[in-house]
PDB file of all heavy atoms in Angstrom:
ATOM      1  N   VAL A   1     172.023 175.521 166.385  1.00  0.00           N
ATOM      2  CA  VAL A   1     172.493 174.485 165.482  1.00  0.00           C
ATOM      3  C   VAL A   1     172.010 174.786 164.070  1.00  0.00           C
ATOM      4  O   VAL A   1     170.828 175.098 163.873  1.00  0.00           O
ATOM      5  CB  VAL A   1     171.971 173.096 165.919  1.00  0.00           C
ATOM      6  CG1 VAL A   1     172.339 172.003 164.899  1.00  0.00           C
ATOM      7  CG2 VAL A   1     172.509 172.716 167.297  1.00  0.00           C
ATOM      8  N   HIS A   2     172.922 174.724 163.123  1.00  0.00           N
ATOM      9  CA  HIS A   2     172.583 174.956 161.738  1.00  0.00           C
ATOM     10  C   HIS A   2     172.799 173.682 160.946  1.00  0.00           C
ATOM     11  O   HIS A   2     173.786 172.946 161.162  1.00  0.00           O
ATOM     12  CB  HIS A   2     173.466 176.073 161.161  1.00  0.00           C
ATOM     13  CG  HIS A   2     173.368 177.348 161.933  1.00  0.00           C
ATOM     14  ND1 HIS A   2     172.353 178.260 161.744  1.00  0.00           N
ATOM     15  CD2 HIS A   2     174.137 177.828 162.940  1.00  0.00           C
ATOM     16  CE1 HIS A   2     172.536 179.296 162.562  1.00  0.00           C
ATOM     17  NE2 HIS A   2     173.628 179.030 163.292  1.00  0.00           N
ATOM     18  N   LEU A   3     171.904 173.403 160.018  1.00  0.00           N
ATOM     19  CA  LEU A   3     171.938 172.202 159.222  1.00  0.00           C
ATOM     20  C   LEU A   3     171.802 172.517 157.751  1.00  0.00           C
ATOM     21  O   LEU A   3     170.975 173.375 157.384  1.00  0.00           O
ATOM     22  CB  LEU A   3     170.795 171.270 159.636  1.00  0.00           C
ATOM     23  CG  LEU A   3     170.687 170.882 161.134  1.00  0.00           C
ATOM     24  CD1 LEU A   3     169.403 170.135 161.405  1.00  0.00           C
ATOM     25  CD2 LEU A   3     171.888 170.041 161.543  1.00  0.00           C
ATOM     26  N   GLU A   4     172.570 171.817 156.916  1.00  0.00           N
ATOM     27  CA  GLU A   4     172.473 172.026 155.468  1.00  0.00           C
ATOM     28  C   GLU A   4     172.524 170.693 154.753  1.00  0.00           C
ATOM     29  O   GLU A   4     173.523 169.965 154.901  1.00  0.00           O
ATOM     30  CB  GLU A   4     173.576 172.941 154.971  1.00  0.00           C
ATOM     31  CG  GLU A   4     173.458 173.253 153.477  1.00  0.00           C
ATOM     32  CD  GLU A   4     174.428 174.327 153.042  1.00  0.00           C
ATOM     33  OE1 GLU A   4     175.301 174.730 153.832  1.00  0.00           O
ATOM     34  OE2 GLU A   4     174.341 174.742 151.888  1.00  0.00           O
ATOM     35  N   GLU A   5     171.490 170.403 153.984  1.00  0.00           N
ATOM     36  CA  GLU A   5     171.438 169.135 153.261  1.00  0.00           C
ATOM     37  C   GLU A   5     172.017 169.297 151.852  1.00  0.00           C
ATOM     38  O   GLU A   5     172.047 170.392 151.293  1.00  0.00           O
ATOM     39  CB  GLU A   5     169.991 168.635 153.102  1.00  0.00           C
ATOM     40  CG  GLU A   5     169.215 168.541 154.376  1.00  0.00           C
ATOM     41  CD  GLU A   5     168.368 169.743 154.705  1.00  0.00           C
ATOM     42  OE1 GLU A   5     168.702 170.864 154.200  1.00  0.00           O
ATOM     43  OE2 GLU A   5     167.373 169.625 155.462  1.00  0.00           O
ATOM     44  N   SER A   6     172.492 168.160 151.325  1.00  0.00           N
ATOM     45  CA  SER A   6     172.932 168.091 149.932  1.00  0.00           C
ATOM     46  C   SER A   6     172.729 166.665 149.426  1.00  0.00           C
ATOM     47  O   SER A   6     172.575 165.751 150.255  1.00  0.00           O
ATOM     48  CB  SER A   6     174.369 168.553 149.769  1.00  0.00           C
ATOM     49  OG  SER A   6     175.234 167.737 150.527  1.00  0.00           O
ATOM     50  N   GLY A   7     172.743 166.506 148.126  1.00  0.00           N
ATOM     51  CA  GLY A   7     172.753 165.184 147.558  1.00  0.00           C
ATOM     52  C   GLY A   7     171.423 164.749 146.951  1.00  0.00           C
ATOM     53  O   GLY A   7     171.336 163.623 146.436  1.00  0.00           O
ATOM     54  N   GLY A   8     170.403 165.567 146.998  1.00  0.00           N
ATOM     55  CA  GLY A   8     169.147 165.172 146.400  1.00  0.00           C
ATOM     56  C   GLY A   8     169.259 165.202 144.884  1.00  0.00           C
ATOM     57  O   GLY A   8     170.252 165.594 144.301  1.00  0.00           O
ATOM     58  N   GLY A   9     168.209 164.738 144.228  1.00  0.00           N
ATOM     59  CA  GLY A   9     168.214 164.717 142.779  1.00  0.00           C
ATOM     60  C   GLY A   9     167.094 163.831 142.244  1.00  0.00           C
ATOM     61  O   GLY A   9     166.229 163.384 142.977  1.00  0.00           O
ATOM     62  N   SER A  10     167.205 163.560 140.979  1.00  0.00           N
ATOM     63  CA  SER A  10     166.221 162.714 140.287  1.00  0.00           C
ATOM     64  C   SER A  10     166.899 161.381 139.867  1.00  0.00           C
ATOM     65  O   SER A  10     168.001 161.369 139.439  1.00  0.00           O
ATOM     66  CB  SER A  10     165.701 163.393 139.038  1.00  0.00           C
ATOM     67  OG  SER A  10     165.010 164.581 139.375  1.00  0.00           O
ATOM     68  N   VAL A  11     166.143 160.301 140.083  1.00  0.00           N
ATOM     69  CA  VAL A  11     166.681 158.981 139.802  1.00  0.00           C
ATOM     70  C   VAL A  11     165.547 158.060 139.336  1.00  0.00           C
ATOM     71  O   VAL A  11     164.371 158.290 139.734  1.00  0.00           O
ATOM     72  CB  VAL A  11     167.452 158.424 141.010  1.00  0.00           C
ATOM     73  CG1 VAL A  11     166.488 158.186 142.158  1.00  0.00           C
ATOM     74  CG2 VAL A  11     168.202 157.166 140.700  1.00  0.00           C
ATOM     75  N   GLN A  12     165.864 157.056 138.606  1.00  0.00           N
ATOM     76  CA  GLN A  12     164.847 156.091 138.227  1.00  0.00           C
ATOM     77  C   GLN A  12     164.653 155.072 139.347  1.00  0.00           C
ATOM     78  O   GLN A  12     165.561 154.832 140.148  1.00  0.00           O
ATOM     79  CB  GLN A  12     165.248 155.410 136.925  1.00  0.00           C
ATOM     80  CG  GLN A  12     165.133 156.293 135.721  1.00  0.00           C
ATOM     81  CD  GLN A  12     165.251 155.506 134.423  1.00  0.00           C
ATOM     82  OE1 GLN A  12     165.980 154.523 134.346  1.00  0.00           O
ATOM     83  NE2 GLN A  12     164.536 155.936 133.392  1.00  0.00           N
ATOM     84  N   ALA A  13     163.496 154.453 139.352  1.00  0.00           N
ATOM     85  CA  ALA A  13     163.194 153.438 140.351  1.00  0.00           C
ATOM     86  C   ALA A  13     164.286 152.377 140.298  1.00  0.00           C
ATOM     87  O   ALA A  13     164.695 151.936 139.231  1.00  0.00           O
ATOM     88  CB  ALA A  13     161.852 152.832 140.112  1.00  0.00           C
ATOM     89  N   GLY A  14     164.677 151.937 141.502  1.00  0.00           N
ATOM     90  CA  GLY A  14     165.758 150.941 141.613  1.00  0.00           C
ATOM     91  C   GLY A  14     167.129 151.582 141.776  1.00  0.00           C
ATOM     92  O   GLY A  14     168.078 150.840 142.122  1.00  0.00           O
ATOM     93  N   GLY A  15     167.230 152.848 141.594  1.00  0.00           N
ATOM     94  CA  GLY A  15     168.471 153.550 141.683  1.00  0.00           C
ATOM     95  C   GLY A  15     168.835 153.896 143.130  1.00  0.00           C
ATOM     96  O   GLY A  15     168.087 153.561 144.078  1.00  0.00           O
ATOM     97  N   SER A  16     169.948 154.642 143.281  1.00  0.00           N
ATOM     98  CA  SER A  16     170.438 155.003 144.632  1.00  0.00           C
ATOM     99  C   SER A  16     170.802 156.474 144.633  1.00  0.00           C
ATOM    100  O   SER A  16     171.176 157.075 143.614  1.00  0.00           O
ATOM    101  CB  SER A  16     171.688 154.183 144.950  1.00  0.00           C
ATOM    102  OG  SER A  16     171.415 152.820 144.964  1.00  0.00           O
ATOM    103  N   LEU A  17     170.698 157.009 145.845  1.00  0.00           N
ATOM    104  CA  LEU A  17     171.190 158.392 146.122  1.00  0.00           C
ATOM    105  C   LEU A  17     171.769 158.392 147.527  1.00  0.00           C
ATOM    106  O   LEU A  17     171.382 157.604 148.371  1.00  0.00           O
ATOM    107  CB  LEU A  17     170.014 159.402 146.053  1.00  0.00           C
ATOM    108  CG  LEU A  17     169.496 159.837 144.689  1.00  0.00           C
ATOM    109  CD1 LEU A  17     168.253 160.670 144.854  1.00  0.00           C
ATOM    110  CD2 LEU A  17     170.572 160.548 143.893  1.00  0.00           C
ATOM    111  N   ARG A  18     172.673 159.301 147.753  1.00  0.00           N
ATOM    112  CA  ARG A  18     173.192 159.516 149.101  1.00  0.00           C
ATOM    113  C   ARG A  18     172.997 160.972 149.465  1.00  0.00           C
ATOM    114  O   ARG A  18     173.503 161.863 148.799  1.00  0.00           O
ATOM    115  CB  ARG A  18     174.692 159.127 149.232  1.00  0.00           C
ATOM    116  CG  ARG A  18     175.133 159.121 150.682  1.00  0.00           C
ATOM    117  CD  ARG A  18     176.551 158.720 150.879  1.00  0.00           C
ATOM    118  NE  ARG A  18     177.504 159.803 150.647  1.00  0.00           N
ATOM    119  CZ  ARG A  18     178.698 159.904 151.168  1.00  0.00           C
ATOM    120  NH1 ARG A  18     179.134 158.940 151.935  1.00  0.00           N
ATOM    121  NH2 ARG A  18     179.473 160.951 150.886  1.00  0.00           N
ATOM    122  N   LEU A  19     172.298 161.186 150.580  1.00  0.00           N
ATOM    123  CA  LEU A  19     172.104 162.531 151.108  1.00  0.00           C
ATOM    124  C   LEU A  19     173.125 162.782 152.204  1.00  0.00           C
ATOM    125  O   LEU A  19     173.519 161.883 152.959  1.00  0.00           O
ATOM    126  CB  LEU A  19     170.711 162.683 151.681  1.00  0.00           C
ATOM    127  CG  LEU A  19     169.516 162.338 150.757  1.00  0.00           C
ATOM    128  CD1 LEU A  19     168.220 162.594 151.487  1.00  0.00           C
ATOM    129  CD2 LEU A  19     169.605 163.106 149.466  1.00  0.00           C
ATOM    130  N   SER A  20     173.550 164.047 152.258  1.00  0.00           N
ATOM    131  CA  SER A  20     174.477 164.460 153.337  1.00  0.00           C
ATOM    132  C   SER A  20     173.858 165.628 154.082  1.00  0.00           C
ATOM    133  O   SER A  20     173.126 166.447 153.502  1.00  0.00           O
ATOM    134  CB  SER A  20     175.831 164.887 152.767  1.00  0.00           C
ATOM    135  OG  SER A  20     176.422 163.806 152.053  1.00  0.00           O
ATOM    136  N   CYS A  21     174.163 165.697 155.399  1.00  0.00           N
ATOM    137  CA  CYS A  21     173.706 166.822 156.202  1.00  0.00           C
ATOM    138  C   CYS A  21     174.860 167.308 157.015  1.00  0.00           C
ATOM    139  O   CYS A  21     175.388 166.580 157.873  1.00  0.00           O
ATOM    140  CB  CYS A  21     172.548 166.395 157.117  1.00  0.00           C
ATOM    141  SG  CYS A  21     172.065 167.683 158.288  1.00  0.00           S
ATOM    142  N   ALA A  22     175.274 168.498 156.743  1.00  0.00           N
ATOM    143  CA  ALA A  22     176.394 169.126 157.528  1.00  0.00           C
ATOM    144  C   ALA A  22     175.801 169.958 158.629  1.00  0.00           C
ATOM    145  O   ALA A  22     174.891 170.779 158.396  1.00  0.00           O
ATOM    146  CB  ALA A  22     177.232 169.980 156.570  1.00  0.00           C
ATOM    147  N   ALA A  23     176.325 169.787 159.835  1.00  0.00           N
ATOM    148  CA  ALA A  23     175.873 170.539 160.987  1.00  0.00           C
ATOM    149  C   ALA A  23     176.996 171.379 161.515  1.00  0.00           C
ATOM    150  O   ALA A  23     178.162 171.010 161.528  1.00  0.00           O
ATOM    151  CB  ALA A  23     175.392 169.576 162.069  1.00  0.00           C
ATOM    152  N   TRP A  24     176.628 172.553 162.003  1.00  0.00           N
ATOM    153  CA  TRP A  24     177.612 173.403 162.682  1.00  0.00           C
ATOM    154  C   TRP A  24     176.919 174.271 163.701  1.00  0.00           C
ATOM    155  O   TRP A  24     175.676 174.409 163.684  1.00  0.00           O
ATOM    156  CB  TRP A  24     178.403 174.270 161.655  1.00  0.00           C
ATOM    157  CG  TRP A  24     177.644 175.366 160.982  1.00  0.00           C
ATOM    158  CD1 TRP A  24     177.551 176.650 161.321  1.00  0.00           C
ATOM    159  CD2 TRP A  24     176.891 175.217 159.764  1.00  0.00           C
ATOM    160  NE1 TRP A  24     176.768 177.347 160.439  1.00  0.00           N
ATOM    161  CE2 TRP A  24     176.361 176.491 159.451  1.00  0.00           C
ATOM    162  CE3 TRP A  24     176.575 174.135 158.920  1.00  0.00           C
ATOM    163  CZ2 TRP A  24     175.586 176.701 158.324  1.00  0.00           C
ATOM    164  CZ3 TRP A  24     175.811 174.367 157.779  1.00  0.00           C
ATOM    165  CH2 TRP A  24     175.292 175.615 157.505  1.00  0.00           C
ATOM    166  N   GLY A  25     177.719 174.827 164.624  1.00  0.00           N
ATOM    167  CA  GLY A  25     177.165 175.604 165.735  1.00  0.00           C
ATOM    168  C   GLY A  25     177.367 174.861 167.024  1.00  0.00           C
ATOM    169  O   GLY A  25     178.436 174.315 167.272  1.00  0.00           O
ATOM    170  N   SER A  26     176.319 174.796 167.868  1.00  0.00           N
ATOM    171  CA  SER A  26     176.435 174.182 169.187  1.00  0.00           C
ATOM    172  C   SER A  26     176.274 172.658 169.107  1.00  0.00           C
ATOM    173  O   SER A  26     175.293 172.108 169.606  1.00  0.00           O
ATOM    174  CB  SER A  26     175.367 174.794 170.102  1.00  0.00           C
ATOM    175  OG  SER A  26     175.513 176.177 170.195  1.00  0.00           O
ATOM    176  N   LEU A  27     177.257 172.029 168.484  1.00  0.00           N
ATOM    177  CA  LEU A  27     177.153 170.598 168.191  1.00  0.00           C
ATOM    178  C   LEU A  27     177.149 169.765 169.511  1.00  0.00           C
ATOM    179  O   LEU A  27     176.585 168.673 169.558  1.00  0.00           O
ATOM    180  CB  LEU A  27     178.256 170.116 167.262  1.00  0.00           C
ATOM    181  CG  LEU A  27     178.305 170.801 165.925  1.00  0.00           C
ATOM    182  CD1 LEU A  27     179.427 170.188 165.092  1.00  0.00           C
ATOM    183  CD2 LEU A  27     176.974 170.732 165.228  1.00  0.00           C
ATOM    184  N   PHE A  28     177.780 170.292 170.547  1.00  0.00           N
ATOM    185  CA  PHE A  28     177.877 169.536 171.824  1.00  0.00           C
ATOM    186  C   PHE A  28     176.482 169.295 172.404  1.00  0.00           C
ATOM    187  O   PHE A  28     176.301 168.330 173.189  1.00  0.00           O
ATOM    188  CB  PHE A  28     178.718 170.337 172.840  1.00  0.00           C
ATOM    189  CG  PHE A  28     178.076 171.617 173.232  1.00  0.00           C
ATOM    190  CD1 PHE A  28     177.213 171.694 174.330  1.00  0.00           C
ATOM    191  CD2 PHE A  28     178.362 172.803 172.540  1.00  0.00           C
ATOM    192  CE1 PHE A  28     176.625 172.931 174.684  1.00  0.00           C
ATOM    193  CE2 PHE A  28     177.781 173.987 172.890  1.00  0.00           C
ATOM    194  CZ  PHE A  28     176.921 174.048 173.962  1.00  0.00           C
ATOM    195  N   SER A  29     175.516 170.091 172.002  1.00  0.00           N
ATOM    196  CA  SER A  29     174.161 169.962 172.599  1.00  0.00           C
ATOM    197  C   SER A  29     173.291 168.911 171.880  1.00  0.00           C
ATOM    198  O   SER A  29     172.239 168.563 172.354  1.00  0.00           O
ATOM    199  CB  SER A  29     173.459 171.288 172.531  1.00  0.00           C
ATOM    200  OG  SER A  29     173.205 171.699 171.176  1.00  0.00           O
ATOM    201  N   ILE A  30     173.758 168.418 170.724  1.00  0.00           N
ATOM    202  CA  ILE A  30     172.979 167.475 169.951  1.00  0.00           C
ATOM    203  C   ILE A  30     173.013 166.063 170.566  1.00  0.00           C
ATOM    204  O   ILE A  30     174.079 165.572 170.869  1.00  0.00           O
ATOM    205  CB  ILE A  30     173.490 167.431 168.499  1.00  0.00           C
ATOM    206  CG1 ILE A  30     173.284 168.780 167.815  1.00  0.00           C
ATOM    207  CG2 ILE A  30     172.750 166.338 167.688  1.00  0.00           C
ATOM    208  CD1 ILE A  30     173.874 168.872 166.416  1.00  0.00           C
ATOM    209  N   ASP A  31     171.824 165.477 170.673  1.00  0.00           N
ATOM    210  CA  ASP A  31     171.826 164.093 171.140  1.00  0.00           C
ATOM    211  C   ASP A  31     171.336 163.104 170.060  1.00  0.00           C
ATOM    212  O   ASP A  31     171.448 161.882 170.267  1.00  0.00           O
ATOM    213  CB  ASP A  31     170.952 163.924 172.418  1.00  0.00           C
ATOM    214  CG  ASP A  31     169.584 164.618 172.276  1.00  0.00           C
ATOM    215  OD1 ASP A  31     168.977 164.463 171.206  1.00  0.00           O
ATOM    216  OD2 ASP A  31     169.144 165.265 173.255  1.00  0.00           O
ATOM    217  N   ALA A  32     170.804 163.597 168.989  1.00  0.00           N
ATOM    218  CA  ALA A  32     170.413 162.703 167.913  1.00  0.00           C
ATOM    219  C   ALA A  32     170.265 163.530 166.620  1.00  0.00           C
ATOM    220  O   ALA A  32     169.996 164.738 166.677  1.00  0.00           O
ATOM    221  CB  ALA A  32     169.100 161.990 168.192  1.00  0.00           C
ATOM    222  N   MET A  33     170.445 162.872 165.494  1.00  0.00           N
ATOM    223  CA  MET A  33     170.221 163.489 164.193  1.00  0.00           C
ATOM    224  C   MET A  33     169.476 162.502 163.305  1.00  0.00           C
ATOM    225  O   MET A  33     169.415 161.302 163.615  1.00  0.00           O
ATOM    226  CB  MET A  33     171.515 163.886 163.530  1.00  0.00           C
ATOM    227  CG  MET A  33     172.258 165.038 164.267  1.00  0.00           C
ATOM    228  SD  MET A  33     173.781 165.569 163.432  1.00  0.00           S
ATOM    229  CE  MET A  33     173.062 166.372 161.951  1.00  0.00           C
ATOM    230  N   GLY A  34     168.934 163.012 162.257  1.00  0.00           N
ATOM    231  CA  GLY A  34     168.211 162.094 161.387  1.00  0.00           C
ATOM    232  C   GLY A  34     167.648 162.774 160.151  1.00  0.00           C
ATOM    233  O   GLY A  34     168.001 163.906 159.826  1.00  0.00           O
ATOM    234  N   TRP A  35     166.727 162.043 159.503  1.00  0.00           N
ATOM    235  CA  TRP A  35     166.112 162.509 158.273  1.00  0.00           C
ATOM    236  C   TRP A  35     164.573 162.291 158.365  1.00  0.00           C
ATOM    237  O   TRP A  35     164.136 161.221 158.850  1.00  0.00           O
ATOM    238  CB  TRP A  35     166.647 161.717 157.056  1.00  0.00           C
ATOM    239  CG  TRP A  35     168.081 162.012 156.826  1.00  0.00           C
ATOM    240  CD1 TRP A  35     169.149 161.338 157.303  1.00  0.00           C
ATOM    241  CD2 TRP A  35     168.620 163.051 155.982  1.00  0.00           C
ATOM    242  NE1 TRP A  35     170.331 161.870 156.856  1.00  0.00           N
ATOM    243  CE2 TRP A  35     170.022 162.924 156.047  1.00  0.00           C
ATOM    244  CE3 TRP A  35     168.037 164.051 155.190  1.00  0.00           C
ATOM    245  CZ2 TRP A  35     170.841 163.802 155.327  1.00  0.00           C
ATOM    246  CZ3 TRP A  35     168.892 164.922 154.491  1.00  0.00           C
ATOM    247  CH2 TRP A  35     170.268 164.766 154.583  1.00  0.00           C
ATOM    248  N   TYR A  36     163.838 163.284 157.907  1.00  0.00           N
ATOM    249  CA  TYR A  36     162.441 163.208 157.724  1.00  0.00           C
ATOM    250  C   TYR A  36     162.160 163.505 156.244  1.00  0.00           C
ATOM    251  O   TYR A  36     163.006 164.105 155.551  1.00  0.00           O
ATOM    252  CB  TYR A  36     161.709 164.179 158.600  1.00  0.00           C
ATOM    253  CG  TYR A  36     161.603 163.807 160.058  1.00  0.00           C
ATOM    254  CD1 TYR A  36     162.723 163.758 160.852  1.00  0.00           C
ATOM    255  CD2 TYR A  36     160.370 163.484 160.633  1.00  0.00           C
ATOM    256  CE1 TYR A  36     162.631 163.371 162.199  1.00  0.00           C
ATOM    257  CE2 TYR A  36     160.261 163.123 161.977  1.00  0.00           C
ATOM    258  CZ  TYR A  36     161.390 163.064 162.749  1.00  0.00           C
ATOM    259  OH  TYR A  36     161.284 162.699 164.053  1.00  0.00           O
ATOM    260  N   ARG A  37     160.976 163.144 155.791  1.00  0.00           N
ATOM    261  CA  ARG A  37     160.611 163.502 154.429  1.00  0.00           C
ATOM    262  C   ARG A  37     159.140 163.903 154.386  1.00  0.00           C
ATOM    263  O   ARG A  37     158.350 163.527 155.235  1.00  0.00           O
ATOM    264  CB  ARG A  37     160.871 162.315 153.473  1.00  0.00           C
ATOM    265  CG  ARG A  37     159.955 161.128 153.701  1.00  0.00           C
ATOM    266  CD  ARG A  37     160.411 159.969 152.816  1.00  0.00           C
ATOM    267  NE  ARG A  37     159.564 158.804 152.968  1.00  0.00           N
ATOM    268  CZ  ARG A  37     159.827 157.617 152.439  1.00  0.00           C
ATOM    269  NH1 ARG A  37     160.937 157.429 151.701  1.00  0.00           N
ATOM    270  NH2 ARG A  37     158.993 156.583 152.663  1.00  0.00           N
ATOM    271  N   GLN A  38     158.846 164.662 153.313  1.00  0.00           N
ATOM    272  CA  GLN A  38     157.468 165.105 153.164  1.00  0.00           C
ATOM    273  C   GLN A  38     157.126 165.048 151.682  1.00  0.00           C
ATOM    274  O   GLN A  38     157.747 165.724 150.887  1.00  0.00           O
ATOM    275  CB  GLN A  38     157.283 166.561 153.691  1.00  0.00           C
ATOM    276  CG  GLN A  38     155.837 167.026 153.693  1.00  0.00           C
ATOM    277  CD  GLN A  38     155.656 168.288 154.496  1.00  0.00           C
ATOM    278  OE1 GLN A  38     156.647 168.973 154.795  1.00  0.00           O
ATOM    279  NE2 GLN A  38     154.414 168.573 154.845  1.00  0.00           N
ATOM    280  N   ALA A  39     156.139 164.241 151.370  1.00  0.00           N
ATOM    281  CA  ALA A  39     155.613 164.147 149.976  1.00  0.00           C
ATOM    282  C   ALA A  39     154.510 165.159 149.782  1.00  0.00           C
ATOM    283  O   ALA A  39     153.908 165.617 150.780  1.00  0.00           O
ATOM    284  CB  ALA A  39     155.074 162.743 149.744  1.00  0.00           C
ATOM    285  N   PRO A  40     154.286 165.594 148.564  1.00  0.00           N
ATOM    286  CA  PRO A  40     153.248 166.576 148.302  1.00  0.00           C
ATOM    287  C   PRO A  40     151.909 166.121 148.914  1.00  0.00           C
ATOM    288  O   PRO A  40     151.454 165.006 148.668  1.00  0.00           O
ATOM    289  CB  PRO A  40     153.196 166.684 146.777  1.00  0.00           C
ATOM    290  CG  PRO A  40     154.539 166.245 146.340  1.00  0.00           C
ATOM    291  CD  PRO A  40     154.991 165.194 147.343  1.00  0.00           C
TER     292      PRO A  40
END
């Protein structure tokens, strides 16, 4: 399974962003997807 994110950027507090994750490959095997984050 291959994953590619897009949609990140810089925004001021109170603003909005939409992230996208495109998946390809053995998609039939996926039972869940999601997002994690890591701060410095």
